[in-house]
Amino acid sequence: MKNKRNLSKMLVVVLLFGTIVAGFNGCSKNVDLRLNGTWKSEDDVIVEYNAGKFAIVDSVNSDIPINQGYYTTSDGKITLTYTHVNGYFLGLDSSRLYTKDEYELEGKSTDLSPLFNSRTFEYVVDDNKITYSYDDGKTSNTFSDTLVSRDIKFTQANSSSKESEPKKKSSGSKSALVGRWELDDYDYNDNYYHSYDDKPSSELKTMELLKDGTGIVGSLGVTWKVENERFYIISPVLGLSANYNVSGSTLTLTNDKYIFKYKKK
């Protein structure tokens, strides 16, 4: 997103919701239609409910939601299940949403997957105000949303990829990836907000990809595959998911953070 300072403020809201981790309680899966509409939190975050679907949106930059998912209500409690989280909070591309599976494929060393957990808390609707509360025995809090409009503008995400740009397709056969590759250069993806000391793993300097789907990346033994026109490196220590292009002796790997250019040796 464009306003990183505002997103830092949003992170406080995400972490607040993240302190409540619970699953469905097995009760009725009815949806309280009184929630339908656009609401604003005390922190100026937009919350949109639509008959079982929800989105939490940055009130300044509303193009890409902070997260989306679905919700159920029962016996004065609401359970939010997060299906998509903005990449900013996952250390990834802030211009798109990620599912939990997509996040895990990125192989991040810090486990932020709890951000996808369901959260359950009590709520009360009073005219144009929703008051939420929770108490897990260790911490407790109460916060509220105020109704802005009964109109709902968001579209539930069906895919995490950006709709504003055409999807870049991979090119080159799987067999063309087999061989030894050395990193020639890399650059940052334009959509990735990075710091000067943010660099890719040094293990990615060399790759030896074998026909049987195994290989060595740096000093690590890995498996690799091509699935849905996307290249994957898989190991307990290092993960990579990227579009690929093989042109002669040059291999280009592009993901949400980096653009790698390799030369075949």
Protein backbone atom coordinates (compact mmCIF):
# COMPACT_ATOMS: atom_id res chain seq x y z
CA MET A 1 0.00 0.00 0.00
CA LYS A 2 1.02 3.57 -0.48
CA ASN A 3 0.74 4.87 3.08
CA LYS A 4 3.14 2.76 5.14
CA ARG A 5 2.72 4.90 8.25
CA ASN A 6 -1.03 4.33 8.24
CA LEU A 7 -0.50 0.61 7.71
CA SER A 8 1.73 0.49 10.77
CA LYS A 9 -1.24 1.81 12.68
CA MET A 10 -3.40 -0.89 11.11
CA LEU A 11 -0.98 -3.52 12.41
CA VAL A 12 -1.99 -2.61 15.95
CA VAL A 13 -5.59 -3.43 15.04
CA VAL A 14 -4.58 -6.72 13.42
CA LEU A 15 -2.56 -7.72 16.47
CA LEU A 16 -5.44 -6.74 18.74
CA PHE A 17 -7.76 -9.09 16.91
CA GLY A 18 -4.96 -11.65 16.84
CA THR A 19 -4.91 -11.97 20.63
CA ILE A 20 -8.19 -13.86 20.47
CA VAL A 21 -7.59 -17.28 18.96
CA ALA A 22 -10.50 -19.69 18.85
CA GLY A 23 -12.43 -21.98 16.53
CA PHE A 24 -16.10 -22.49 15.89
CA ASN A 25 -18.05 -23.39 19.00
CA GLY A 26 -20.28 -25.91 17.25
CA CYS A 27 -23.44 -23.78 17.67
CA SER A 28 -25.73 -22.41 15.00
CA LYS A 29 -24.01 -20.94 11.95
CA ASN A 30 -26.59 -18.18 11.52
CA VAL A 31 -25.48 -14.75 10.39
CA ASP A 32 -26.72 -11.60 12.12
CA LEU A 33 -27.96 -9.44 9.23
CA ARG A 34 -27.95 -6.37 11.47
CA LEU A 35 -24.20 -6.30 10.83
CA ASN A 36 -24.60 -5.80 7.08
CA GLY A 37 -22.99 -2.51 6.08
CA THR A 38 -19.84 -0.41 6.36
CA TRP A 39 -18.54 0.39 9.85
CA LYS A 40 -15.63 2.45 11.14
CA SER A 41 -13.57 1.47 14.16
CA GLU A 42 -12.18 3.78 16.83
CA ASP A 43 -8.84 3.57 14.96
CA ASP A 44 -10.41 4.71 11.66
CA VAL A 45 -10.31 1.23 10.18
CA ILE A 46 -13.21 0.32 7.89
CA VAL A 47 -14.98 -2.96 8.65
CA GLU A 48 -17.41 -4.27 6.04
CA TYR A 49 -19.92 -7.06 6.71
CA ASN A 50 -21.98 -8.67 3.99
CA ALA A 51 -24.18 -11.66 4.89
CA GLY A 52 -21.40 -13.89 6.17
CA LYS A 53 -18.43 -12.26 4.42
CA PHE A 54 -16.24 -9.51 5.82
CA ALA A 55 -13.36 -7.23 4.87
CA ILE A 56 -11.17 -4.96 6.99
CA VAL A 57 -9.94 -2.01 4.93
CA ASP A 58 -7.47 0.81 5.38
CA SER A 59 -9.63 3.97 5.44
CA VAL A 60 -6.89 5.95 3.61
CA ASN A 61 -5.88 3.39 0.97
CA SER A 62 -8.90 1.20 0.28
CA ASP A 63 -7.80 -0.45 -2.97
CA ILE A 64 -6.42 -3.57 -1.27
CA PRO A 65 -8.08 -4.77 1.98
CA ILE A 66 -6.08 -5.49 5.12
CA ASN A 67 -7.76 -8.88 5.25
CA GLN A 68 -10.90 -10.72 4.21
CA GLY A 69 -12.79 -13.82 5.20
CA TYR A 70 -16.15 -15.03 6.47
CA TYR A 71 -17.97 -14.86 9.78
CA THR A 72 -20.70 -16.58 11.77
CA THR A 73 -22.75 -15.36 14.72
CA SER A 74 -24.38 -17.31 17.52
CA ASP A 75 -25.56 -16.60 21.08
CA GLY A 76 -24.12 -13.09 21.15
CA LYS A 77 -20.73 -14.16 19.78
CA ILE A 78 -19.10 -13.55 16.41
CA THR A 79 -16.38 -15.71 14.88
CA LEU A 80 -14.19 -14.25 12.14
CA THR A 81 -12.30 -16.68 9.93
CA TYR A 82 -9.49 -15.01 7.98
CA THR A 83 -9.00 -16.46 4.50
CA HIS A 84 -6.81 -13.64 3.09
CA VAL A 85 -4.27 -11.34 4.78
CA ASN A 86 -2.50 -8.37 3.22
CA GLY A 87 1.15 -9.07 2.42
CA TYR A 88 2.31 -6.01 4.40
CA PHE A 89 1.60 -7.83 7.68
CA LEU A 90 3.37 -10.97 6.41
CA GLY A 91 6.56 -9.23 5.27
CA LEU A 92 5.51 -9.64 1.64
CA ASP A 93 4.00 -7.56 -1.18
CA SER A 94 1.59 -4.99 0.29
CA SER A 95 -0.34 -4.62 -2.98
CA ARG A 96 -1.99 -8.05 -2.73
CA LEU A 97 -3.66 -10.51 -0.41
CA TYR A 98 -2.32 -13.95 0.52
CA THR A 99 -4.01 -17.14 1.60
CA LYS A 100 -2.35 -19.20 4.32
CA ASP A 101 -1.12 -21.74 1.76
CA GLU A 102 0.45 -19.01 -0.37
CA TYR A 103 2.15 -17.50 2.67
CA GLU A 104 3.62 -20.85 3.74
CA LEU A 105 4.96 -21.44 0.21
CA GLU A 106 7.01 -18.23 0.54
CA GLY A 107 9.13 -19.98 3.19
CA LYS A 108 9.38 -17.05 5.60
CA SER A 109 11.58 -17.70 8.64
CA THR A 110 9.14 -15.91 10.99
CA ASP A 111 5.90 -17.82 11.45
CA LEU A 112 3.04 -15.34 11.09
CA SER A 113 0.46 -18.00 10.19
CA PRO A 114 -1.53 -17.31 13.43
CA LEU A 115 -2.77 -14.17 11.65
CA PHE A 116 -5.02 -16.57 9.69
CA ASN A 117 -6.55 -18.10 12.84
CA SER A 118 -10.24 -17.69 13.61
CA ARG A 119 -11.15 -15.16 16.33
CA THR A 120 -14.25 -15.27 18.50
CA PHE A 121 -15.59 -12.55 20.78
CA GLU A 122 -18.83 -11.27 22.23
CA TYR A 123 -20.70 -8.43 20.52
CA VAL A 124 -23.75 -6.22 21.03
CA VAL A 125 -25.53 -4.20 18.33
CA ASP A 126 -27.11 -1.00 19.66
CA ASP A 127 -28.66 1.15 16.91
CA ASN A 128 -25.67 2.33 14.84
CA LYS A 129 -22.93 0.89 17.03
CA ILE A 130 -21.34 -2.53 17.51
CA THR A 131 -19.51 -3.12 20.78
CA TYR A 132 -17.08 -6.05 20.94
CA SER A 133 -15.55 -7.52 24.07
CA TYR A 134 -13.38 -10.43 25.08
CA ASP A 135 -11.81 -11.87 28.19
CA ASP A 136 -9.59 -14.94 27.98
CA GLY A 137 -8.67 -14.92 31.66
CA LYS A 138 -5.36 -13.20 30.95
CA THR A 139 -6.34 -10.14 28.94
CA SER A 140 -9.60 -8.32 28.33
CA ASN A 141 -10.68 -5.49 26.10
CA THR A 142 -13.72 -3.67 24.75
CA PHE A 143 -13.86 -1.74 21.46
CA SER A 144 -16.53 -0.59 19.06
CA ASP A 145 -17.46 0.18 15.43
CA THR A 146 -19.83 2.94 14.32
CA LEU A 147 -22.10 2.56 11.29
CA VAL A 148 -21.05 4.59 8.25
CA SER A 149 -23.44 3.24 5.63
CA ARG A 150 -25.59 0.24 4.84
CA ASP A 151 -23.89 0.14 1.45
CA ILE A 152 -21.22 -2.55 1.01
CA LYS A 153 -18.57 -1.84 -1.62
CA PHE A 154 -16.00 -4.58 -1.22
CA THR A 155 -15.64 -7.64 -3.41
CA GLN A 156 -14.67 -10.88 -1.72
CA ALA A 157 -11.28 -12.09 -2.91
CA ASN A 158 -11.38 -15.19 -5.09
CA SER A 159 -7.70 -14.97 -5.86
CA SER A 160 -4.81 -13.29 -4.11
CA SER A 161 -3.23 -11.97 -7.27
CA LYS A 162 -3.71 -8.34 -8.23
CA GLU A 163 -6.61 -7.70 -10.57
CA SER A 164 -5.25 -4.39 -11.79
CA GLU A 165 -2.36 -5.96 -13.66
CA PRO A 166 -2.26 -8.93 -16.03
CA LYS A 167 -0.67 -12.01 -14.57
CA LYS A 168 2.88 -12.59 -15.72
CA LYS A 169 3.19 -16.07 -17.15
CA SER A 170 6.15 -18.37 -16.88
CA SER A 171 7.85 -19.58 -20.03
CA GLY A 172 10.22 -22.41 -20.82
CA SER A 173 9.85 -26.14 -20.34
CA LYS A 174 10.47 -27.84 -17.01
CA SER A 175 13.40 -29.71 -18.54
CA ALA A 176 15.05 -26.37 -19.41
CA LEU A 177 15.41 -25.70 -15.67
CA VAL A 178 17.60 -28.74 -15.15
CA GLY A 179 21.27 -27.87 -14.68
CA ARG A 180 23.59 -25.72 -12.62
CA TRP A 181 22.75 -22.03 -12.27
CA GLU A 182 24.70 -19.17 -10.72
CA LEU A 183 23.12 -15.90 -9.64
CA ASP A 184 24.24 -13.09 -11.96
CA ASP A 185 22.16 -10.24 -10.53
CA TYR A 186 19.00 -9.48 -8.59
CA ASP A 187 16.69 -6.52 -8.09
CA TYR A 188 13.65 -5.67 -5.98
CA ASN A 189 10.14 -6.01 -7.34
CA ASP A 190 8.58 -2.56 -7.72
CA ASN A 191 5.68 -3.56 -5.46
CA TYR A 192 7.89 -4.69 -2.60
CA TYR A 193 8.55 -2.16 0.16
CA HIS A 194 12.06 -3.01 1.37
CA SER A 195 14.81 -1.66 3.60
CA TYR A 196 18.45 -1.35 2.57
CA ASP A 197 19.50 -4.35 4.66
CA ASP A 198 16.73 -6.55 3.25
CA LYS A 199 18.52 -9.04 1.02
CA PRO A 200 17.65 -12.51 -0.28
CA SER A 201 19.20 -15.58 1.28
CA SER A 202 22.86 -16.12 0.33
CA GLU A 203 21.96 -19.76 -0.33
CA LEU A 204 20.25 -18.63 -3.55
CA LYS A 205 23.58 -17.74 -5.18
CA THR A 206 23.85 -21.19 -6.75
CA MET A 207 21.28 -23.80 -7.76
CA GLU A 208 21.80 -27.27 -9.13
CA LEU A 209 18.48 -28.72 -10.27
CA LEU A 210 18.34 -32.42 -11.11
CA LYS A 211 15.91 -34.25 -13.38
CA ASP A 212 14.37 -36.24 -10.51
CA GLY A 213 13.09 -33.10 -8.78
CA THR A 214 15.85 -32.92 -6.19
CA GLY A 215 18.70 -30.45 -6.10
CA ILE A 216 21.19 -28.42 -4.15
CA VAL A 217 20.63 -24.71 -3.51
CA GLY A 218 23.71 -23.19 -1.93
CA SER A 219 24.62 -25.76 0.70
CA LEU A 220 21.08 -27.09 1.12
CA GLY A 221 19.49 -30.23 -0.23
CA VAL A 222 16.06 -29.34 -1.66
CA THR A 223 13.23 -30.58 -3.81
CA TRP A 224 11.88 -28.52 -6.67
CA LYS A 225 8.87 -28.59 -8.94
CA VAL A 226 6.88 -26.67 -11.54
CA GLU A 227 3.19 -26.43 -10.75
CA ASN A 228 0.57 -24.20 -12.37
CA GLU A 229 3.34 -22.53 -14.41
CA ARG A 230 5.19 -21.56 -11.23
CA PHE A 231 8.62 -22.68 -9.98
CA TYR A 232 8.97 -23.90 -6.38
CA ILE A 233 11.98 -24.69 -4.18
CA ILE A 234 11.00 -26.63 -1.08
CA SER A 235 13.06 -27.40 2.01
CA PRO A 236 12.66 -27.11 5.79
CA VAL A 237 15.08 -24.16 5.80
CA LEU A 238 14.48 -22.35 2.52
CA GLY A 239 11.44 -21.88 0.33
CA LEU A 240 10.91 -20.03 -2.93
CA SER A 241 7.90 -19.55 -5.18
CA ALA A 242 8.33 -17.61 -8.42
CA ASN A 243 7.35 -17.22 -12.04
CA TYR A 244 10.20 -18.31 -14.30
CA ASN A 245 11.51 -17.51 -17.75
CA VAL A 246 14.24 -19.47 -19.52
CA SER A 247 15.85 -17.73 -22.47
CA GLY A 248 18.99 -19.38 -23.79
CA SER A 249 21.42 -19.62 -20.89
CA THR A 250 19.54 -17.08 -18.75
CA LEU A 251 16.96 -17.98 -16.09
CA THR A 252 14.83 -15.20 -14.61
CA LEU A 253 12.84 -15.85 -11.44
CA THR A 254 10.26 -13.25 -10.39
CA ASN A 255 8.20 -13.24 -7.22
CA ASP A 256 6.55 -10.55 -5.08
CA LYS A 257 9.86 -9.46 -3.55
CA TYR A 258 12.73 -10.08 -5.95
CA ILE A 259 13.76 -10.51 -9.57
CA PHE A 260 16.65 -13.00 -9.87
CA LYS A 261 18.74 -13.46 -13.00
CA TYR A 262 20.80 -16.65 -13.25
CA LYS A 263 23.35 -17.84 -15.81
CA LYS A 264 23.70 -21.49 -16.71
CA LYS A 265 27.13 -23.01 -16.05
